Amino acid sequence: MLAMEHDNFIPAESSIFSFDPYEINQGSSSYWIYGQDRENYYYFSYEPTAPYIFIPKVNKCQGFDRLNFKTWCDAKHGRGK
């Protein structure tokens, strides 16, 4: 899916071999909303200047929920496509 669809992309901090989307948009486009690799969690933010944010899997966020980016303290902006 990630390699075939032009709207999808792998975060620059990850790779095609390790990136695992764990929540996919159920609409007409099948893009990832949340994903992970060995080191980080990722959220597709839809922002043109920073299309995703990410946070280390090992973090100190109180109440951290990998399915709620609003609980991601100190998340970093991704570098884009």
N, C-alpha and C. Protein backbone atom coordinates (compact mmCIF):
# COMPACT_ATOMS: atom_id res chain seq x y z
N MET A 1 0.83 -1.19 0.00
CA MET A 1 0.00 0.00 0.00
C MET A 1 0.87 1.25 0.00
N LEU A 2 1.87 1.30 0.90
CA LEU A 2 2.69 2.50 1.02
C LEU A 2 3.52 2.74 -0.24
N ALA A 3 3.97 1.68 -0.87
CA ALA A 3 4.81 1.84 -2.05
C ALA A 3 3.99 2.13 -3.31
N MET A 4 2.73 1.74 -3.34
CA MET A 4 1.92 1.82 -4.55
C MET A 4 1.14 3.13 -4.67
N GLU A 5 0.70 3.72 -3.59
CA GLU A 5 -0.14 4.92 -3.65
C GLU A 5 0.70 6.18 -3.57
N HIS A 6 0.49 7.10 -4.51
CA HIS A 6 1.31 8.31 -4.56
C HIS A 6 1.02 9.28 -3.43
N ASP A 7 -0.14 9.21 -2.79
CA ASP A 7 -0.46 10.10 -1.67
C ASP A 7 0.17 9.63 -0.36
N ASN A 8 0.57 8.40 -0.32
CA ASN A 8 1.19 7.84 0.87
C ASN A 8 2.70 8.07 0.84
N PHE A 9 3.30 8.08 1.98
CA PHE A 9 4.75 8.23 2.06
C PHE A 9 5.23 7.61 3.35
N ILE A 10 6.50 7.32 3.40
CA ILE A 10 7.16 6.81 4.59
C ILE A 10 7.83 8.01 5.27
N PRO A 11 7.65 8.19 6.57
CA PRO A 11 8.35 9.30 7.24
C PRO A 11 9.86 9.21 7.02
N ALA A 12 10.49 10.35 6.89
CA ALA A 12 11.94 10.42 6.63
C ALA A 12 12.75 9.74 7.73
N GLU A 13 12.23 9.71 8.94
CA GLU A 13 12.95 9.11 10.07
C GLU A 13 12.81 7.58 10.09
N SER A 14 11.99 7.02 9.21
CA SER A 14 11.72 5.59 9.19
C SER A 14 12.18 4.99 7.86
N SER A 15 11.72 3.79 7.55
CA SER A 15 12.05 3.16 6.26
C SER A 15 10.92 2.24 5.83
N ILE A 16 10.92 1.88 4.57
CA ILE A 16 9.91 0.98 4.02
C ILE A 16 9.96 -0.38 4.72
N PHE A 17 11.11 -0.73 5.26
CA PHE A 17 11.29 -2.03 5.91
C PHE A 17 10.82 -2.06 7.36
N SER A 18 10.72 -0.90 8.00
CA SER A 18 10.35 -0.90 9.41
C SER A 18 9.06 -0.15 9.73
N PHE A 19 8.57 0.69 8.82
CA PHE A 19 7.37 1.47 9.10
C PHE A 19 6.13 0.59 9.05
N ASP A 20 5.31 0.70 10.08
CA ASP A 20 4.09 -0.12 10.20
C ASP A 20 2.92 0.80 10.51
N PRO A 21 2.04 1.08 9.52
CA PRO A 21 0.86 1.89 9.80
C PRO A 21 -0.14 1.07 10.63
N TYR A 22 -0.54 1.58 11.78
CA TYR A 22 -1.46 0.82 12.62
C TYR A 22 -2.85 1.43 12.67
N GLU A 23 -3.05 2.58 12.06
CA GLU A 23 -4.41 3.10 11.84
C GLU A 23 -4.45 3.71 10.45
N ILE A 24 -5.40 3.24 9.64
CA ILE A 24 -5.53 3.65 8.25
C ILE A 24 -6.86 4.39 8.07
N ASN A 25 -6.84 5.46 7.27
CA ASN A 25 -8.07 6.17 6.94
C ASN A 25 -9.02 5.21 6.23
N GLN A 26 -10.26 5.19 6.64
CA GLN A 26 -11.24 4.28 6.07
C GLN A 26 -12.06 4.92 4.94
N GLY A 27 -11.70 6.12 4.52
CA GLY A 27 -12.42 6.80 3.45
C GLY A 27 -11.98 6.32 2.08
N SER A 28 -12.18 7.16 1.08
CA SER A 28 -11.84 6.79 -0.29
C SER A 28 -10.34 6.67 -0.51
N SER A 29 -9.55 7.37 0.29
CA SER A 29 -8.10 7.26 0.24
C SER A 29 -7.62 6.40 1.41
N SER A 30 -6.70 5.52 1.14
CA SER A 30 -6.19 4.63 2.19
C SER A 30 -4.82 5.10 2.66
N TYR A 31 -4.76 6.23 3.31
CA TYR A 31 -3.49 6.72 3.83
C TYR A 31 -3.39 6.41 5.32
N TRP A 32 -2.16 6.35 5.81
CA TRP A 32 -1.97 6.06 7.24
C TRP A 32 -2.29 7.31 8.06
N ILE A 33 -2.85 7.08 9.22
CA ILE A 33 -3.11 8.15 10.19
C ILE A 33 -2.08 8.05 11.32
N TYR A 34 -1.91 6.84 11.85
CA TYR A 34 -0.90 6.56 12.87
C TYR A 34 -0.02 5.42 12.39
N GLY A 35 1.25 5.49 12.70
CA GLY A 35 2.19 4.43 12.34
C GLY A 35 3.29 4.34 13.37
N GLN A 36 4.12 3.33 13.20
CA GLN A 36 5.23 3.12 14.13
C GLN A 36 6.37 2.41 13.42
N ASP A 37 7.54 2.50 14.02
CA ASP A 37 8.68 1.69 13.63
C ASP A 37 9.35 1.26 14.92
N ARG A 38 10.58 0.83 14.87
CA ARG A 38 11.26 0.34 16.08
C ARG A 38 11.44 1.43 17.14
N GLU A 39 11.61 2.67 16.70
CA GLU A 39 11.96 3.76 17.60
C GLU A 39 10.82 4.72 17.94
N ASN A 40 9.95 5.01 16.98
CA ASN A 40 9.00 6.12 17.10
C ASN A 40 7.56 5.73 16.78
N TYR A 41 6.65 6.60 17.25
CA TYR A 41 5.26 6.62 16.81
C TYR A 41 5.11 7.83 15.91
N TYR A 42 4.22 7.74 14.91
CA TYR A 42 4.01 8.81 13.94
C TYR A 42 2.52 9.12 13.81
N TYR A 43 2.23 10.39 13.59
CA TYR A 43 0.86 10.83 13.33
C TYR A 43 0.87 11.70 12.08
N PHE A 44 0.03 11.38 11.11
CA PHE A 44 -0.09 12.17 9.89
C PHE A 44 -0.95 13.39 10.20
N SER A 45 -0.36 14.57 10.21
CA SER A 45 -1.03 15.78 10.69
C SER A 45 -1.72 16.60 9.60
N TYR A 46 -1.54 16.25 8.34
CA TYR A 46 -2.17 16.95 7.22
C TYR A 46 -1.64 18.36 6.99
N GLU A 47 -0.68 18.81 7.76
CA GLU A 47 -0.15 20.17 7.62
C GLU A 47 0.85 20.21 6.46
N PRO A 48 0.69 21.14 5.52
CA PRO A 48 1.61 21.20 4.37
C PRO A 48 3.07 21.42 4.75
N THR A 49 3.32 22.22 5.77
CA THR A 49 4.71 22.50 6.15
C THR A 49 5.32 21.42 7.03
N ALA A 50 4.50 20.67 7.73
CA ALA A 50 4.97 19.57 8.59
C ALA A 50 3.91 18.48 8.53
N PRO A 51 3.96 17.61 7.52
CA PRO A 51 2.87 16.66 7.29
C PRO A 51 2.71 15.58 8.36
N TYR A 52 3.65 15.47 9.25
CA TYR A 52 3.50 14.49 10.32
C TYR A 52 4.31 14.91 11.54
N ILE A 53 3.94 14.34 12.67
CA ILE A 53 4.72 14.51 13.89
C ILE A 53 5.14 13.13 14.36
N PHE A 54 6.16 13.09 15.20
CA PHE A 54 6.60 11.81 15.74
C PHE A 54 7.14 11.99 17.15
N ILE A 55 7.14 10.89 17.87
CA ILE A 55 7.61 10.89 19.25
C ILE A 55 8.27 9.54 19.53
N PRO A 56 9.32 9.52 20.32
CA PRO A 56 9.94 8.23 20.66
C PRO A 56 8.96 7.31 21.39
N LYS A 57 9.09 6.03 21.14
CA LYS A 57 8.25 5.07 21.85
C LYS A 57 8.52 5.12 23.35
N VAL A 58 9.77 5.33 23.71
CA VAL A 58 10.13 5.48 25.13
C VAL A 58 10.08 6.98 25.42
N ASN A 59 9.04 7.39 26.12
CA ASN A 59 8.87 8.81 26.44
C ASN A 59 8.30 8.94 27.85
N LYS A 60 8.26 10.16 28.34
CA LYS A 60 7.79 10.41 29.71
C LYS A 60 6.49 11.20 29.73
N CYS A 61 5.69 11.07 28.69
CA CYS A 61 4.42 11.78 28.64
C CYS A 61 3.42 11.12 29.58
N GLN A 62 2.91 11.88 30.53
CA GLN A 62 1.88 11.35 31.41
C GLN A 62 0.60 11.17 30.61
N GLY A 63 -0.04 10.03 30.77
CA GLY A 63 -1.28 9.76 30.06
C GLY A 63 -1.08 9.50 28.57
N PHE A 64 0.12 9.10 28.18
CA PHE A 64 0.42 8.87 26.77
C PHE A 64 -0.49 7.80 26.17
N ASP A 65 -1.04 8.10 25.00
CA ASP A 65 -1.88 7.17 24.25
C ASP A 65 -1.40 7.22 22.81
N ARG A 66 -0.92 6.12 22.28
CA ARG A 66 -0.37 6.11 20.92
C ARG A 66 -1.43 6.42 19.87
N LEU A 67 -2.71 6.34 20.22
CA LEU A 67 -3.80 6.65 19.29
C LEU A 67 -4.40 8.04 19.51
N ASN A 68 -3.71 8.88 20.28
CA ASN A 68 -4.19 10.25 20.51
C ASN A 68 -2.99 11.19 20.54
N PHE A 69 -2.70 11.79 19.39
CA PHE A 69 -1.52 12.66 19.29
C PHE A 69 -1.56 13.83 20.27
N LYS A 70 -2.72 14.18 20.78
CA LYS A 70 -2.81 15.28 21.74
C LYS A 70 -2.15 14.93 23.07
N THR A 71 -1.87 13.66 23.31
CA THR A 71 -1.18 13.24 24.54
C THR A 71 0.33 13.13 24.34
N TRP A 72 0.79 13.46 23.17
CA TRP A 72 2.20 13.32 22.83
C TRP A 72 2.97 14.59 23.23
N CYS A 73 3.51 14.61 24.41
CA CYS A 73 4.29 15.76 24.85
C CYS A 73 5.63 15.78 24.09
N ASP A 74 6.10 16.91 23.75
CA ASP A 74 7.39 17.07 23.07
C ASP A 74 7.49 16.33 21.74
N ALA A 75 6.40 16.18 21.01
CA ALA A 75 6.46 15.57 19.68
C ALA A 75 7.24 16.49 18.74
N LYS A 76 7.91 15.89 17.79
CA LYS A 76 8.71 16.66 16.82
C LYS A 76 8.00 16.65 15.47
N HIS A 77 8.22 17.72 14.71
CA HIS A 77 7.66 17.81 13.36
C HIS A 77 8.53 17.03 12.40
N GLY A 78 7.88 16.31 11.50
CA GLY A 78 8.59 15.56 10.49
C GLY A 78 9.14 16.46 9.40
N ARG A 79 10.04 15.91 8.64
CA ARG A 79 10.73 16.68 7.59
C ARG A 79 9.98 16.70 6.28
N GLY A 80 8.92 15.97 6.16
CA GLY A 80 8.16 15.97 4.93
C GLY A 80 8.55 14.87 3.99
N LYS A 81 7.96 14.90 2.82
CA LYS A 81 8.15 13.83 1.84
C LYS A 81 9.51 13.84 1.24
